[in-house]
């Protein structure tokens, strides 16, 4: 089985890298010769391709809950975080809501397609060692989604859970988003099993992983206590979390 995993992982990584390189050029053309929607569509296509190529490993995906979401209002998706393989399913499944990410500043350079999208697509890059800079960038994101009726994705655990268990939430980033996107709705999102892809390391990757993305009912935080809202959000994520 390990030999098969090594072979399939090698094939997957080839197509993964090729996708990032090719789609970097596509993104550049879409951004510079098109408009926001053209670039957004190129990113959506890239994430679809990354998902399809991961099926080489026997990875499967199930999605639920998108139909619950209203359009024409800003949304703040609050999700657990298990691995880098969370990003493509979230970004593809929720593409109609124009999700923007809060990412660590190190991802803003040197990664084909990924860094370009983070720089040009409306997401923000934060320096975890500089809280003032991080808060300023998250403020910009809140103002951005409020103005354009788009969405933000935040991982309040701060770092990835290596075993799938939900870690304590950090509330600063979410508080800043809420302050500067006062008409936004909070939407809990549960990611299941993406951590299992790298359970034994990044090479070879695990085979036959069943990843799910579950979108929960939106929560309005107007006239509600922040701690109560955060607790309800965490409970919604925890309720459908599988270890």
Foldseek 3Di string as FASTA:
>chain_A
DQVLLQVLQVQLVVQLQVLLQVLLVLLVCQPPVHHLVSNLVSLLVSLVSNVVSCCSQVEAEAEDDPVQDDAPAEAEEEEAAADPVVPSVVCNVNSVQLEAEEEAQVQLDDGRPRNVCNVPNLHFHDHPVDVVRSLVRLLSSLLVCLVVVHYYYDHQLPDHDLPQDGHDGDCPSVVSSCVSNVRYWYKYKAKEFPSQQQNVHVPSGHGNTYIYIYIDRTHRCVPHDPVVVVVVSVCVRVVPGDD
